[in-house]
Amino acid sequence: MPSDPKLTDNTPDSSSPSSNASAQFATALELPIVFVGAVLLGGFLGFYLDRWLHTKPWLMFVFGALGFFGGIREIIRRTSGNPRK
C-alpha cells in the first residue's frame, strides 16, 4: 500500500559474512594493481623527465623509488583498520 509507513530495504546487510568476504576478496585483488600502478607511474614519469632533461637514468630511479614507497604507503593505508579515507 502506498500509505504503509514501513519501508522495505532490499540492500544486503553489510555485517553479513558473505559481504565481508567479498569486500576482503576485492581488496586482495586491488592491492597488487595499486602497488604496481604506483611504481609504473613513478618510473614512467621519471623516464620522460630523464628524456626531457637529459639526466638518464637518475630521475627514473628516483621517481620509481617514490612510486614504490607511495605504493607501500597506500597498501598500509588500505589494509589498516582505520576507516578514514
C-alpha atoms as a PDB file:
ATOM      1  CA  MET A   1       0.000   0.000   0.000  1.00  0.00           C
ATOM      2  CA  PRO A   2       1.276   3.483  -0.720  1.00  0.00           C
ATOM      3  CA  SER A   3       0.322   4.761   2.721  1.00  0.00           C
ATOM      4  CA  ASP A   4       2.178   1.982   4.513  1.00  0.00           C
ATOM      5  CA  PRO A   5       4.811   3.631   6.789  1.00  0.00           C
ATOM      6  CA  LYS A   6       7.040   0.561   6.722  1.00  0.00           C
ATOM      7  CA  LEU A   7       9.912   0.968   4.262  1.00  0.00           C
ATOM      8  CA  THR A   8      11.393  -2.032   2.572  1.00  0.00           C
ATOM      9  CA  ASP A   9      15.120  -2.022   2.172  1.00  0.00           C
ATOM     10  CA  ASN A  10      16.456  -4.614  -0.246  1.00  0.00           C
ATOM     11  CA  THR A  11      20.121  -3.732   0.245  1.00  0.00           C
ATOM     12  CA  PRO A  12      22.259  -6.513   1.701  1.00  0.00           C
ATOM     13  CA  ASP A  13      23.324  -6.229   5.311  1.00  0.00           C
ATOM     14  CA  SER A  14      26.935  -5.012   5.479  1.00  0.00           C
ATOM     15  CA  SER A  15      27.606  -7.150   8.537  1.00  0.00           C
ATOM     16  CA  SER A  16      26.799 -10.428   6.794  1.00  0.00           C
ATOM     17  CA  PRO A  17      29.712 -12.840   6.334  1.00  0.00           C
ATOM     18  CA  SER A  18      29.305 -13.034   2.556  1.00  0.00           C
ATOM     19  CA  SER A  19      29.599  -9.275   2.050  1.00  0.00           C
ATOM     20  CA  ASN A  20      32.602  -9.145   4.388  1.00  0.00           C
ATOM     21  CA  ALA A  21      34.318 -11.955   2.471  1.00  0.00           C
ATOM     22  CA  SER A  22      33.628 -10.326  -0.878  1.00  0.00           C
ATOM     23  CA  ALA A  23      34.979  -6.985   0.388  1.00  0.00           C
ATOM     24  CA  GLN A  24      38.164  -8.710   1.557  1.00  0.00           C
ATOM     25  CA  PHE A  25      38.467 -10.512  -1.776  1.00  0.00           C
ATOM     26  CA  ALA A  26      38.043  -7.253  -3.678  1.00  0.00           C
ATOM     27  CA  THR A  27      40.704  -5.589  -1.536  1.00  0.00           C
ATOM     28  CA  ALA A  28      43.071  -8.520  -2.067  1.00  0.00           C
ATOM     29  CA  LEU A  29      42.671  -8.216  -5.835  1.00  0.00           C
ATOM     30  CA  GLU A  30      43.000  -4.435  -5.789  1.00  0.00           C
ATOM     31  CA  LEU A  31      46.209  -4.101  -3.762  1.00  0.00           C
ATOM     32  CA  PRO A  32      48.688  -5.539  -6.300  1.00  0.00           C
ATOM     33  CA  ILE A  33      47.219  -3.349  -9.030  1.00  0.00           C
ATOM     34  CA  VAL A  34      47.559  -0.259  -6.859  1.00  0.00           C
ATOM     35  CA  PHE A  35      51.143  -1.105  -5.945  1.00  0.00           C
ATOM     36  CA  VAL A  36      52.322  -1.903  -9.473  1.00  0.00           C
ATOM     37  CA  GLY A  37      50.475   1.133 -10.819  1.00  0.00           C
ATOM     38  CA  ALA A  38      52.254   3.450  -8.388  1.00  0.00           C
ATOM     39  CA  VAL A  39      55.683   2.055  -9.290  1.00  0.00           C
ATOM     40  CA  LEU A  40      54.977   2.202 -13.037  1.00  0.00           C
ATOM     41  CA  LEU A  41      53.605   5.719 -12.847  1.00  0.00           C
ATOM     42  CA  GLY A  42      56.684   6.914 -10.966  1.00  0.00           C
ATOM     43  CA  GLY A  43      59.017   5.081 -13.334  1.00  0.00           C
ATOM     44  CA  PHE A  44      57.342   6.424 -16.482  1.00  0.00           C
ATOM     45  CA  LEU A  45      57.279   9.943 -15.107  1.00  0.00           C
ATOM     46  CA  GLY A  46      60.979   9.694 -14.285  1.00  0.00           C
ATOM     47  CA  PHE A  47      61.726   8.178 -17.689  1.00  0.00           C
ATOM     48  CA  TYR A  48      60.078  11.037 -19.564  1.00  0.00           C
ATOM     49  CA  LEU A  49      61.683  13.640 -17.307  1.00  0.00           C
ATOM     50  CA  ASP A  50      65.052  11.973 -17.983  1.00  0.00           C
ATOM     51  CA  ARG A  51      64.468  12.211 -21.715  1.00  0.00           C
ATOM     52  CA  TRP A  52      63.458  15.860 -21.427  1.00  0.00           C
ATOM     53  CA  LEU A  53      66.245  16.926 -19.050  1.00  0.00           C
ATOM     54  CA  HIS A  54      68.945  14.502 -20.385  1.00  0.00           C
ATOM     55  CA  THR A  55      69.677  13.073 -16.923  1.00  0.00           C
ATOM     56  CA  LYS A  56      69.403   9.370 -17.808  1.00  0.00           C
ATOM     57  CA  PRO A  57      68.700   7.223 -15.664  1.00  0.00           C
ATOM     58  CA  TRP A  58      68.669   9.129 -12.389  1.00  0.00           C
ATOM     59  CA  LEU A  59      65.174  10.575 -12.351  1.00  0.00           C
ATOM     60  CA  MET A  60      63.683   7.241 -13.387  1.00  0.00           C
ATOM     61  CA  PHE A  61      65.281   5.623 -10.328  1.00  0.00           C
ATOM     62  CA  VAL A  62      64.240   8.444  -8.029  1.00  0.00           C
ATOM     63  CA  PHE A  63      60.625   8.575  -9.217  1.00  0.00           C
ATOM     64  CA  GLY A  64      60.431   4.770  -9.343  1.00  0.00           C
ATOM     65  CA  ALA A  65      61.540   4.658  -5.704  1.00  0.00           C
ATOM     66  CA  LEU A  66      58.997   7.343  -4.816  1.00  0.00           C
ATOM     67  CA  GLY A  67      56.333   5.270  -6.566  1.00  0.00           C
ATOM     68  CA  PHE A  68      57.451   2.209  -4.609  1.00  0.00           C
ATOM     69  CA  PHE A  69      57.163   3.992  -1.278  1.00  0.00           C
ATOM     70  CA  GLY A  70      53.867   5.561  -2.325  1.00  0.00           C
ATOM     71  CA  GLY A  71      52.526   2.113  -3.232  1.00  0.00           C
ATOM     72  CA  ILE A  72      53.620   0.697   0.129  1.00  0.00           C
ATOM     73  CA  ARG A  73      52.008   3.636   1.901  1.00  0.00           C
ATOM     74  CA  GLU A  74      48.756   3.111   0.003  1.00  0.00           C
ATOM     75  CA  ILE A  75      48.716  -0.609   0.835  1.00  0.00           C
ATOM     76  CA  ILE A  76      49.243   0.146   4.514  1.00  0.00           C
ATOM     77  CA  ARG A  77      46.510   2.787   4.423  1.00  0.00           C
ATOM     78  CA  ARG A  78      44.015   0.449   2.759  1.00  0.00           C
ATOM     79  CA  THR A  79      44.722  -2.547   4.991  1.00  0.00           C
ATOM     80  CA  SER A  80      44.765  -0.706   8.298  1.00  0.00           C
ATOM     81  CA  GLY A  81      41.615  -0.854  10.358  1.00  0.00           C
ATOM     82  CA  ASN A  82      41.350   2.930  10.362  1.00  0.00           C
ATOM     83  CA  PRO A  83      38.172   3.918   8.450  1.00  0.00           C
ATOM     84  CA  ARG A  84      39.369   7.386   7.431  1.00  0.00           C
ATOM     85  CA  LYS A  85      39.777   7.937   3.706  1.00  0.00           C
END
